[in-house]
Amino acid sequence: MANAGFLVFLLFNLLAIIMAEDTDSGPCYRIATGALAGVVLGDIILTVFIVGVTYCYASKRRCRKENADKVYMNVRANCKP
């Protein structure tokens, strides 16, 4: 078992070396730090907005469902002689 673990470790290190050599040989697209921060911040804002809208709609639906049950129970209670 230890030999298999060592072989996997050796394989991953060899792949890392090969990948490091391949990425150094060509031009690389660079992204500015401000643009990256803007993308991350925009993603966080959009996620919070989606969660907030979902929570609002879910709570309104829950309130309507609870109120509908109360009305139904009152109507049934009023129908009994």
PDB file of N, CA and C in Angstrom:
ATOM      1  N   MET A   1       0.821  -1.194   0.000  1.00  0.00           N
ATOM      2  CA  MET A   1       0.000   0.000   0.000  1.00  0.00           C
ATOM      3  C   MET A   1       0.864   1.257   0.000  1.00  0.00           C
ATOM      4  N   ALA A   2       1.953   1.206   0.726  1.00  0.00           N
ATOM      5  CA  ALA A   2       2.844   2.363   0.781  1.00  0.00           C
ATOM      6  C   ALA A   2       3.501   2.599  -0.574  1.00  0.00           C
ATOM      7  N   ASN A   3       3.799   1.508  -1.289  1.00  0.00           N
ATOM      8  CA  ASN A   3       4.411   1.657  -2.615  1.00  0.00           C
ATOM      9  C   ASN A   3       3.436   2.304  -3.588  1.00  0.00           C
ATOM     10  N   ALA A   4       2.150   1.957  -3.504  1.00  0.00           N
ATOM     11  CA  ALA A   4       1.155   2.551  -4.392  1.00  0.00           C
ATOM     12  C   ALA A   4       1.008   4.043  -4.104  1.00  0.00           C
ATOM     13  N   GLY A   5       1.015   4.406  -2.829  1.00  0.00           N
ATOM     14  CA  GLY A   5       0.941   5.814  -2.454  1.00  0.00           C
ATOM     15  C   GLY A   5       2.141   6.597  -2.960  1.00  0.00           C
ATOM     16  N   PHE A   6       3.311   5.989  -2.867  1.00  0.00           N
ATOM     17  CA  PHE A   6       4.522   6.638  -3.353  1.00  0.00           C
ATOM     18  C   PHE A   6       4.470   6.821  -4.865  1.00  0.00           C
ATOM     19  N   LEU A   7       3.963   5.822  -5.591  1.00  0.00           N
ATOM     20  CA  LEU A   7       3.862   5.932  -7.042  1.00  0.00           C
ATOM     21  C   LEU A   7       2.875   7.026  -7.451  1.00  0.00           C
ATOM     22  N   VAL A   8       1.765   7.142  -6.746  1.00  0.00           N
ATOM     23  CA  VAL A   8       0.799   8.204  -7.039  1.00  0.00           C
ATOM     24  C   VAL A   8       1.428   9.560  -6.766  1.00  0.00           C
ATOM     25  N   PHE A   9       2.141   9.681  -5.662  1.00  0.00           N
ATOM     26  CA  PHE A   9       2.831  10.925  -5.320  1.00  0.00           C
ATOM     27  C   PHE A   9       3.851  11.280  -6.405  1.00  0.00           C
ATOM     28  N   LEU A  10       4.609  10.314  -6.849  1.00  0.00           N
ATOM     29  CA  LEU A  10       5.612  10.537  -7.890  1.00  0.00           C
ATOM     30  C   LEU A  10       4.944  10.941  -9.202  1.00  0.00           C
ATOM     31  N   LEU A  11       3.826  10.304  -9.549  1.00  0.00           N
ATOM     32  CA  LEU A  11       3.110  10.624 -10.782  1.00  0.00           C
ATOM     33  C   LEU A  11       2.592  12.056 -10.752  1.00  0.00           C
ATOM     34  N   PHE A  12       1.987  12.472  -9.635  1.00  0.00           N
ATOM     35  CA  PHE A  12       1.471  13.840  -9.533  1.00  0.00           C
ATOM     36  C   PHE A  12       2.594  14.871  -9.594  1.00  0.00           C
ATOM     37  N   ASN A  13       3.725  14.580  -8.978  1.00  0.00           N
ATOM     38  CA  ASN A  13       4.859  15.505  -9.054  1.00  0.00           C
ATOM     39  C   ASN A  13       5.399  15.610 -10.472  1.00  0.00           C
ATOM     40  N   LEU A  14       5.446  14.495 -11.183  1.00  0.00           N
ATOM     41  CA  LEU A  14       5.908  14.508 -12.564  1.00  0.00           C
ATOM     42  C   LEU A  14       4.948  15.312 -13.436  1.00  0.00           C
ATOM     43  N   LEU A  15       3.655  15.139 -13.248  1.00  0.00           N
ATOM     44  CA  LEU A  15       2.669  15.916 -13.999  1.00  0.00           C
ATOM     45  C   LEU A  15       2.775  17.404 -13.677  1.00  0.00           C
ATOM     46  N   ALA A  16       3.032  17.742 -12.423  1.00  0.00           N
ATOM     47  CA  ALA A  16       3.178  19.148 -12.045  1.00  0.00           C
ATOM     48  C   ALA A  16       4.391  19.774 -12.721  1.00  0.00           C
ATOM     49  N   ILE A  17       5.471  19.029 -12.816  1.00  0.00           N
ATOM     50  CA  ILE A  17       6.672  19.540 -13.482  1.00  0.00           C
ATOM     51  C   ILE A  17       6.410  19.743 -14.969  1.00  0.00           C
ATOM     52  N   ILE A  18       5.725  18.794 -15.598  1.00  0.00           N
ATOM     53  CA  ILE A  18       5.433  18.902 -17.032  1.00  0.00           C
ATOM     54  C   ILE A  18       4.515  20.103 -17.282  1.00  0.00           C
ATOM     55  N   MET A  19       3.504  20.278 -16.472  1.00  0.00           N
ATOM     56  CA  MET A  19       2.587  21.400 -16.638  1.00  0.00           C
ATOM     57  C   MET A  19       3.295  22.730 -16.410  1.00  0.00           C
ATOM     58  N   ALA A  20       4.211  22.791 -15.455  1.00  0.00           N
ATOM     59  CA  ALA A  20       4.949  24.022 -15.189  1.00  0.00           C
ATOM     60  C   ALA A  20       5.831  24.393 -16.381  1.00  0.00           C
ATOM     61  N   GLU A  21       6.412  23.409 -17.026  1.00  0.00           N
ATOM     62  CA  GLU A  21       7.250  23.683 -18.187  1.00  0.00           C
ATOM     63  C   GLU A  21       6.406  24.139 -19.369  1.00  0.00           C
ATOM     64  N   ASP A  22       5.221  23.578 -19.547  1.00  0.00           N
ATOM     65  CA  ASP A  22       4.370  23.951 -20.681  1.00  0.00           C
ATOM     66  C   ASP A  22       3.815  25.363 -20.540  1.00  0.00           C
ATOM     67  N   THR A  23       3.495  25.798 -19.353  1.00  0.00           N
ATOM     68  CA  THR A  23       2.890  27.121 -19.185  1.00  0.00           C
ATOM     69  C   THR A  23       3.900  28.250 -19.300  1.00  0.00           C
ATOM     70  N   ASP A  24       5.164  27.978 -19.100  1.00  0.00           N
ATOM     71  CA  ASP A  24       6.173  29.022 -19.167  1.00  0.00           C
ATOM     72  C   ASP A  24       6.572  29.367 -20.604  1.00  0.00           C
ATOM     73  N   SER A  25       6.228  28.537 -21.562  1.00  0.00           N
ATOM     74  CA  SER A  25       6.762  28.730 -22.905  1.00  0.00           C
ATOM     75  C   SER A  25       5.950  29.680 -23.778  1.00  0.00           C
ATOM     76  N   GLY A  26       4.721  30.052 -23.414  1.00  0.00           N
ATOM     77  CA  GLY A  26       3.911  30.879 -24.296  1.00  0.00           C
ATOM     78  C   GLY A  26       3.420  32.140 -23.626  1.00  0.00           C
ATOM     79  N   PRO A  27       2.786  33.018 -24.437  1.00  0.00           N
ATOM     80  CA  PRO A  27       2.229  34.235 -23.842  1.00  0.00           C
ATOM     81  C   PRO A  27       1.052  33.894 -22.931  1.00  0.00           C
ATOM     82  N   CYS A  28       0.909  34.683 -21.947  1.00  0.00           N
ATOM     83  CA  CYS A  28      -0.094  34.414 -20.920  1.00  0.00           C
ATOM     84  C   CYS A  28      -1.045  35.598 -20.825  1.00  0.00           C
ATOM     85  N   TYR A  29      -2.329  35.325 -20.707  1.00  0.00           N
ATOM     86  CA  TYR A  29      -3.319  36.392 -20.542  1.00  0.00           C
ATOM     87  C   TYR A  29      -3.314  36.831 -19.084  1.00  0.00           C
ATOM     88  N   ARG A  30      -3.118  38.095 -18.868  1.00  0.00           N
ATOM     89  CA  ARG A  30      -3.085  38.631 -17.504  1.00  0.00           C
ATOM     90  C   ARG A  30      -4.361  39.402 -17.231  1.00  0.00           C
ATOM     91  N   ILE A  31      -4.880  39.280 -16.034  1.00  0.00           N
ATOM     92  CA  ILE A  31      -6.063  40.025 -15.630  1.00  0.00           C
ATOM     93  C   ILE A  31      -5.664  40.933 -14.479  1.00  0.00           C
ATOM     94  N   ALA A  32      -6.150  42.161 -14.541  1.00  0.00           N
ATOM     95  CA  ALA A  32      -5.784  43.141 -13.522  1.00  0.00           C
ATOM     96  C   ALA A  32      -6.423  42.769 -12.181  1.00  0.00           C
ATOM     97  N   THR A  33      -5.772  43.189 -11.124  1.00  0.00           N
ATOM     98  CA  THR A  33      -6.269  42.895  -9.787  1.00  0.00           C
ATOM     99  C   THR A  33      -7.617  43.557  -9.541  1.00  0.00           C
ATOM    100  N   GLY A  34      -7.789  44.771 -10.026  1.00  0.00           N
ATOM    101  CA  GLY A  34      -9.058  45.464  -9.856  1.00  0.00           C
ATOM    102  C   GLY A  34     -10.200  44.771 -10.581  1.00  0.00           C
ATOM    103  N   ALA A  35      -9.924  44.257 -11.778  1.00  0.00           N
ATOM    104  CA  ALA A  35     -10.957  43.532 -12.528  1.00  0.00           C
ATOM    105  C   ALA A  35     -11.340  42.250 -11.821  1.00  0.00           C
ATOM    106  N   LEU A  36     -10.363  41.547 -11.298  1.00  0.00           N
ATOM    107  CA  LEU A  36     -10.638  40.318 -10.566  1.00  0.00           C
ATOM    108  C   LEU A  36     -11.438  40.605  -9.299  1.00  0.00           C
ATOM    109  N   ALA A  37     -11.080  41.666  -8.588  1.00  0.00           N
ATOM    110  CA  ALA A  37     -11.830  42.048  -7.390  1.00  0.00           C
ATOM    111  C   ALA A  37     -13.254  42.451  -7.752  1.00  0.00           C
ATOM    112  N   GLY A  38     -13.429  43.125  -8.878  1.00  0.00           N
ATOM    113  CA  GLY A  38     -14.764  43.505  -9.331  1.00  0.00           C
ATOM    114  C   GLY A  38     -15.622  42.305  -9.663  1.00  0.00           C
ATOM    115  N   VAL A  39     -15.044  41.311 -10.299  1.00  0.00           N
ATOM    116  CA  VAL A  39     -15.784  40.096 -10.627  1.00  0.00           C
ATOM    117  C   VAL A  39     -16.211  39.362  -9.348  1.00  0.00           C
ATOM    118  N   VAL A  40     -15.301  39.242  -8.410  1.00  0.00           N
ATOM    119  CA  VAL A  40     -15.615  38.558  -7.156  1.00  0.00           C
ATOM    120  C   VAL A  40     -16.673  39.330  -6.379  1.00  0.00           C
ATOM    121  N   LEU A  41     -16.533  40.641  -6.282  1.00  0.00           N
ATOM    122  CA  LEU A  41     -17.500  41.457  -5.558  1.00  0.00           C
ATOM    123  C   LEU A  41     -18.869  41.411  -6.237  1.00  0.00           C
ATOM    124  N   GLY A  42     -18.892  41.474  -7.566  1.00  0.00           N
ATOM    125  CA  GLY A  42     -20.154  41.370  -8.294  1.00  0.00           C
ATOM    126  C   GLY A  42     -20.828  40.036  -8.075  1.00  0.00           C
ATOM    127  N   ASP A  43     -20.046  38.978  -8.022  1.00  0.00           N
ATOM    128  CA  ASP A  43     -20.594  37.654  -7.765  1.00  0.00           C
ATOM    129  C   ASP A  43     -21.206  37.566  -6.374  1.00  0.00           C
ATOM    130  N   ILE A  44     -20.534  38.141  -5.396  1.00  0.00           N
ATOM    131  CA  ILE A  44     -21.055  38.123  -4.021  1.00  0.00           C
ATOM    132  C   ILE A  44     -22.352  38.922  -3.940  1.00  0.00           C
ATOM    133  N   ILE A  45     -22.382  40.094  -4.563  1.00  0.00           N
ATOM    134  CA  ILE A  45     -23.592  40.929  -4.534  1.00  0.00           C
ATOM    135  C   ILE A  45     -24.747  40.213  -5.224  1.00  0.00           C
ATOM    136  N   LEU A  46     -24.497  39.613  -6.372  1.00  0.00           N
ATOM    137  CA  LEU A  46     -25.547  38.893  -7.097  1.00  0.00           C
ATOM    138  C   LEU A  46     -26.063  37.701  -6.286  1.00  0.00           C
ATOM    139  N   THR A  47     -25.177  36.989  -5.626  1.00  0.00           N
ATOM    140  CA  THR A  47     -25.585  35.852  -4.806  1.00  0.00           C
ATOM    141  C   THR A  47     -26.450  36.298  -3.642  1.00  0.00           C
ATOM    142  N   VAL A  48     -26.067  37.375  -2.970  1.00  0.00           N
ATOM    143  CA  VAL A  48     -26.859  37.885  -1.849  1.00  0.00           C
ATOM    144  C   VAL A  48     -28.220  38.365  -2.347  1.00  0.00           C
ATOM    145  N   PHE A  49     -28.270  38.991  -3.505  1.00  0.00           N
ATOM    146  CA  PHE A  49     -29.540  39.444  -4.072  1.00  0.00           C
ATOM    147  C   PHE A  49     -30.466  38.261  -4.373  1.00  0.00           C
ATOM    148  N   ILE A  50     -29.930  37.223  -4.987  1.00  0.00           N
ATOM    149  CA  ILE A  50     -30.737  36.045  -5.310  1.00  0.00           C
ATOM    150  C   ILE A  50     -31.248  35.376  -4.043  1.00  0.00           C
ATOM    151  N   VAL A  51     -30.411  35.256  -3.030  1.00  0.00           N
ATOM    152  CA  VAL A  51     -30.839  34.656  -1.765  1.00  0.00           C
ATOM    153  C   VAL A  51     -31.916  35.514  -1.113  1.00  0.00           C
ATOM    154  N   GLY A  52     -31.767  36.822  -1.140  1.00  0.00           N
ATOM    155  CA  GLY A  52     -32.756  37.714  -0.545  1.00  0.00           C
ATOM    156  C   GLY A  52     -34.102  37.642  -1.238  1.00  0.00           C
ATOM    157  N   VAL A  53     -34.096  37.638  -2.568  1.00  0.00           N
ATOM    158  CA  VAL A  53     -35.353  37.548  -3.311  1.00  0.00           C
ATOM    159  C   VAL A  53     -36.028  36.206  -3.051  1.00  0.00           C
ATOM    160  N   THR A  54     -35.258  35.145  -3.036  1.00  0.00           N
ATOM    161  CA  THR A  54     -35.818  33.822  -2.761  1.00  0.00           C
ATOM    162  C   THR A  54     -36.415  33.764  -1.369  1.00  0.00           C
ATOM    163  N   TYR A  55     -35.749  34.339  -0.390  1.00  0.00           N
ATOM    164  CA  TYR A  55     -36.257  34.344   0.981  1.00  0.00           C
ATOM    165  C   TYR A  55     -37.569  35.143   1.069  1.00  0.00           C
ATOM    166  N   CYS A  56     -37.621  36.288   0.409  1.00  0.00           N
ATOM    167  CA  CYS A  56     -38.848  37.101   0.441  1.00  0.00           C
ATOM    168  C   CYS A  56     -40.036  36.352  -0.141  1.00  0.00           C
ATOM    169  N   TYR A  57     -39.843  35.750  -1.313  1.00  0.00           N
ATOM    170  CA  TYR A  57     -40.941  35.015  -1.933  1.00  0.00           C
ATOM    171  C   TYR A  57     -41.350  33.797  -1.112  1.00  0.00           C
ATOM    172  N   ALA A  58     -40.387  33.112  -0.534  1.00  0.00           N
ATOM    173  CA  ALA A  58     -40.703  31.932   0.271  1.00  0.00           C
ATOM    174  C   ALA A  58     -41.453  32.329   1.540  1.00  0.00           C
ATOM    175  N   SER A  59     -41.073  33.430   2.171  1.00  0.00           N
ATOM    176  CA  SER A  59     -41.761  33.841   3.394  1.00  0.00           C
ATOM    177  C   SER A  59     -43.171  34.344   3.083  1.00  0.00           C
ATOM    178  N   LYS A  60     -43.359  35.022   1.956  1.00  0.00           N
ATOM    179  CA  LYS A  60     -44.705  35.462   1.574  1.00  0.00           C
ATOM    180  C   LYS A  60     -45.596  34.260   1.298  1.00  0.00           C
ATOM    181  N   ARG A  61     -45.051  33.269   0.630  1.00  0.00           N
ATOM    182  CA  ARG A  61     -45.843  32.077   0.328  1.00  0.00           C
ATOM    183  C   ARG A  61     -46.213  31.347   1.608  1.00  0.00           C
ATOM    184  N   ARG A  62     -45.284  31.262   2.547  1.00  0.00           N
ATOM    185  CA  ARG A  62     -45.558  30.596   3.816  1.00  0.00           C
ATOM    186  C   ARG A  62     -46.648  31.334   4.581  1.00  0.00           C
ATOM    187  N   CYS A  63     -46.596  32.665   4.590  1.00  0.00           N
ATOM    188  CA  CYS A  63     -47.616  33.452   5.288  1.00  0.00           C
ATOM    189  C   CYS A  63     -48.983  33.265   4.639  1.00  0.00           C
ATOM    190  N   ARG A  64     -49.020  33.257   3.319  1.00  0.00           N
ATOM    191  CA  ARG A  64     -50.300  33.050   2.639  1.00  0.00           C
ATOM    192  C   ARG A  64     -50.859  31.663   2.935  1.00  0.00           C
ATOM    193  N   LYS A  65     -49.999  30.682   3.009  1.00  0.00           N
ATOM    194  CA  LYS A  65     -50.443  29.322   3.297  1.00  0.00           C
ATOM    195  C   LYS A  65     -50.980  29.226   4.722  1.00  0.00           C
ATOM    196  N   GLU A  66     -50.293  29.849   5.664  1.00  0.00           N
ATOM    197  CA  GLU A  66     -50.772  29.830   7.052  1.00  0.00           C
ATOM    198  C   GLU A  66     -52.093  30.579   7.179  1.00  0.00           C
ATOM    199  N   ASN A  67     -52.221  31.695   6.515  1.00  0.00           N
ATOM    200  CA  ASN A  67     -53.471  32.459   6.569  1.00  0.00           C
ATOM    201  C   ASN A  67     -54.609  31.706   5.894  1.00  0.00           C
ATOM    202  N   ALA A  68     -54.323  30.990   4.836  1.00  0.00           N
ATOM    203  CA  ALA A  68     -55.360  30.214   4.154  1.00  0.00           C
ATOM    204  C   ALA A  68     -55.872  29.107   5.065  1.00  0.00           C
ATOM    205  N   ASP A  69     -55.002  28.480   5.824  1.00  0.00           N
ATOM    206  CA  ASP A  69     -55.435  27.439   6.753  1.00  0.00           C
ATOM    207  C   ASP A  69     -56.306  28.025   7.855  1.00  0.00           C
ATOM    208  N   LYS A  70     -55.987  29.213   8.324  1.00  0.00           N
ATOM    209  CA  LYS A  70     -56.786  29.847   9.376  1.00  0.00           C
ATOM    210  C   LYS A  70     -58.183  30.182   8.865  1.00  0.00           C
ATOM    211  N   VAL A  71     -58.285  30.712   7.657  1.00  0.00           N
ATOM    212  CA  VAL A  71     -59.584  31.050   7.090  1.00  0.00           C
ATOM    213  C   VAL A  71     -60.401  29.780   6.908  1.00  0.00           C
ATOM    214  N   TYR A  72     -59.772  28.729   6.431  1.00  0.00           N
ATOM    215  CA  TYR A  72     -60.474  27.472   6.195  1.00  0.00           C
ATOM    216  C   TYR A  72     -61.030  26.930   7.506  1.00  0.00           C
ATOM    217  N   MET A  73     -60.228  26.980   8.550  1.00  0.00           N
ATOM    218  CA  MET A  73     -60.686  26.464   9.841  1.00  0.00           C
ATOM    219  C   MET A  73     -61.841  27.310  10.378  1.00  0.00           C
ATOM    220  N   ASN A  74     -61.799  28.619  10.190  1.00  0.00           N
ATOM    221  CA  ASN A  74     -62.884  29.465  10.654  1.00  0.00           C
ATOM    222  C   ASN A  74     -64.167  29.189   9.881  1.00  0.00           C
ATOM    223  N   VAL A  75     -64.074  28.960   8.595  1.00  0.00           N
ATOM    224  CA  VAL A  75     -65.250  28.672   7.784  1.00  0.00           C
ATOM    225  C   VAL A  75     -65.859  27.350   8.222  1.00  0.00           C
ATOM    226  N   ARG A  76     -65.058  26.356   8.477  1.00  0.00           N
ATOM    227  CA  ARG A  76     -65.573  25.060   8.926  1.00  0.00           C
ATOM    228  C   ARG A  76     -66.234  25.189  10.290  1.00  0.00           C
ATOM    229  N   ALA A  77     -65.671  25.987  11.160  1.00  0.00           N
ATOM    230  CA  ALA A  77     -66.234  26.141  12.498  1.00  0.00           C
ATOM    231  C   ALA A  77     -67.578  26.873  12.439  1.00  0.00           C
ATOM    232  N   ASN A  78     -67.700  27.802  11.497  1.00  0.00           N
ATOM    233  CA  ASN A  78     -68.960  28.556  11.379  1.00  0.00           C
ATOM    234  C   ASN A  78     -70.066  27.744  10.725  1.00  0.00           C
ATOM    235  N   CYS A  79     -69.740  26.688   9.989  1.00  0.00           N
ATOM    236  CA  CYS A  79     -70.755  25.894   9.294  1.00  0.00           C
ATOM    237  C   CYS A  79     -71.459  24.922  10.220  1.00  0.00           C
ATOM    238  N   LYS A  80     -70.886  24.585  11.345  1.00  0.00           N
ATOM    239  CA  LYS A  80     -71.506  23.625  12.261  1.00  0.00           C
ATOM    240  C   LYS A  80     -72.674  24.280  12.988  1.00  0.00           C
ATOM    241  N   PRO A  81     -73.803  23.559  13.099  1.00  0.00           N
ATOM    242  CA  PRO A  81     -74.970  24.150  13.792  1.00  0.00           C
ATOM    243  C   PRO A  81     -74.831  24.170  15.292  1.00  0.00           C
TER     244      PRO A  81
END
